[in-house]
Protein backbone atom coordinates (compact mmCIF):
# COMPACT_ATOMS: atom_id res chain seq x y z
CA MET A 1 -6.03 5.56 -6.84
CA LYS A 2 -6.68 6.87 -3.34
CA TRP A 3 -4.38 6.63 -0.35
CA PRO A 4 -5.64 4.95 2.81
CA THR A 5 -7.88 7.22 4.87
CA GLY A 6 -5.83 9.88 6.60
CA TRP A 7 -2.76 9.41 4.39
CA ASP A 8 -0.92 11.97 2.31
CA ILE A 9 2.00 11.31 -0.04
CA GLU A 10 4.38 11.68 2.92
CA ASP A 11 2.67 8.73 4.62
CA ALA A 12 3.33 6.64 1.52
CA VAL A 13 7.00 7.63 1.75
CA ARG A 14 6.96 6.61 5.40
CA TRP A 15 5.47 3.22 4.47
CA THR A 16 8.40 2.63 2.14
CA LEU A 17 10.91 3.75 4.79
CA ASP A 18 9.30 1.47 7.38
CA ALA A 19 10.75 -1.50 5.51
CA ASP A 20 14.22 -0.68 6.86
CA ALA A 21 13.74 2.22 9.30
CA ILE A 22 16.55 1.16 11.65
CA VAL A 23 19.07 1.58 8.84
CA LEU A 24 17.42 4.44 6.97
CA LEU A 25 16.66 6.91 9.74
CA PRO A 26 20.31 7.38 10.78
CA GLU A 27 21.30 7.68 7.11
CA ILE A 28 18.63 10.32 6.50
CA ASN A 29 19.64 12.17 9.67
CA ALA A 30 23.24 12.27 8.46
CA ARG A 31 22.29 13.45 4.98
CA LEU A 32 19.96 16.17 6.29
CA ASP A 33 22.10 17.08 9.31
CA ARG A 34 19.05 16.52 11.52
CA GLN A 35 18.28 14.34 14.54
CA PHE A 36 14.86 12.79 13.90
CA GLN A 37 14.15 10.30 16.67
CA SER A 38 11.47 8.49 14.69
CA LEU A 39 9.84 8.23 11.29
CA ASP A 40 6.87 10.07 12.80
CA GLU A 41 9.12 13.10 13.36
CA LEU A 42 10.51 12.86 9.84
CA VAL A 43 7.03 12.61 8.31
CA ALA A 44 5.86 15.59 10.38
CA ALA A 45 8.77 17.60 8.94
CA LEU A 46 7.94 16.38 5.42
CA LYS A 47 4.35 17.60 5.85
CA ASN A 48 5.41 20.93 7.37
CA THR A 49 5.40 23.77 4.83
CA SER A 50 7.33 26.25 7.00
CA GLU A 51 11.08 26.09 6.49
CA GLN A 52 11.41 28.45 9.45
CA THR A 53 10.16 25.68 11.75
CA GLY A 54 12.14 22.89 10.07
CA GLY A 55 9.57 21.98 7.44
CA LEU A 56 10.73 19.94 4.48
CA LYS A 57 7.57 20.00 2.35
CA ALA A 58 9.09 22.20 -0.35
CA ASN A 59 12.75 21.32 0.23
CA TYR A 60 13.69 19.63 -3.02
CA MET A 61 17.24 18.89 -1.91
CA ALA A 62 15.98 17.14 1.24
CA HIS A 63 13.69 15.03 -0.95
CA GLU A 64 16.69 14.07 -3.09
CA ASP A 65 18.74 13.21 0.01
CA ILE A 66 15.93 11.01 1.33
CA ALA A 67 15.59 9.28 -2.06
CA GLY A 68 19.34 8.71 -2.09
CA ALA A 69 19.15 7.02 1.29
CA MET A 70 16.19 4.92 0.14
CA ARG A 71 18.17 3.64 -2.85
CA LYS A 72 20.77 2.14 -0.50
CA SER A 73 18.25 -0.21 1.13
CA GLN A 74 17.06 -3.22 -0.85
CA LEU A 75 14.11 -3.61 1.55
CA CYS A 76 13.05 -0.04 0.93
CA VAL A 77 13.51 -0.37 -2.83
CA GLN A 78 11.25 -3.43 -2.78
CA ARG A 79 8.57 -1.39 -0.98
CA VAL A 80 8.92 1.41 -3.50
CA GLU A 81 8.50 -1.13 -6.29
CA LEU A 82 5.26 -2.37 -4.67
CA LEU A 83 3.97 1.17 -4.35
CA LEU A 84 4.78 1.96 -7.99
CA GLU A 85 3.24 -1.32 -9.09
CA ALA A 86 0.07 -0.33 -7.25
CA VAL A 87 -0.03 3.02 -9.05
CA THR A 88 0.58 1.32 -12.40
CA ARG A 89 -2.08 -1.33 -11.82
CA ALA A 90 -4.57 1.33 -10.70
CA VAL A 91 -3.98 3.37 -13.87
CA LEU A 92 -4.33 0.27 -16.05
CA GLY A 93 -7.38 -0.99 -14.14
CA GLU A 94 -5.59 -4.26 -13.36
CA PHE A 95 -5.90 -4.37 -9.61
CA ASP A 96 -7.61 -7.73 -9.11
CA HIS A 97 -5.57 -10.15 -7.00
CA PHE A 98 -3.04 -7.52 -5.91
CA GLU A 99 -2.81 -7.29 -2.13
CA HIS A 100 -2.02 -3.56 -2.03
CA LEU A 101 -5.12 -2.39 -3.93
CA GLU A 102 -8.76 -2.72 -3.07
CA LEU A 103 -11.84 -1.56 -4.94
CA ASP A 104 -13.48 1.51 -3.39
CA THR A 105 -17.12 0.65 -4.01
CA VAL A 106 -18.33 3.89 -2.42
CA ARG A 107 -16.44 6.17 -4.81
CA SER A 108 -16.56 3.99 -7.93
CA ARG A 109 -19.20 4.71 -10.56
CA ASP A 110 -20.23 3.17 -13.86
CA SER A 111 -17.83 5.45 -15.70
CA ILE A 112 -14.90 5.29 -13.26
CA THR A 113 -13.33 2.71 -11.02
CA VAL A 114 -11.62 3.94 -7.88
CA CYS A 115 -9.24 1.77 -5.94
CA ARG A 116 -7.48 2.43 -2.67
CA PHE A 117 -3.91 1.62 -1.78
CA SER A 118 -3.71 -0.86 1.09
CA ALA A 119 -0.49 -0.88 3.10
């Protein structure tokens, strides 16, 4: 399974957070003792590998804090479930009639089927 063009794993996390951003961003800020003004700022920090400049890429505890906040939002949990269902369906090759997966005809070959997550 491929992410949408231009996405990394952090963008998938953002997609799940978008379900309830108004509630989740303040909760994440409190847990991380940060003041992100938007999910864009949070995602930039998640992609940043330098802890000296506030990067969270390798900060396992920050990841756990974010996951803990996500668990508190039913809307976010539902998005996470959709994302995990997409991964499962892609692995099983059962992506027909699932709105969050589309066949990537350019990358697919006779021996392998590639599908792309669709947010």
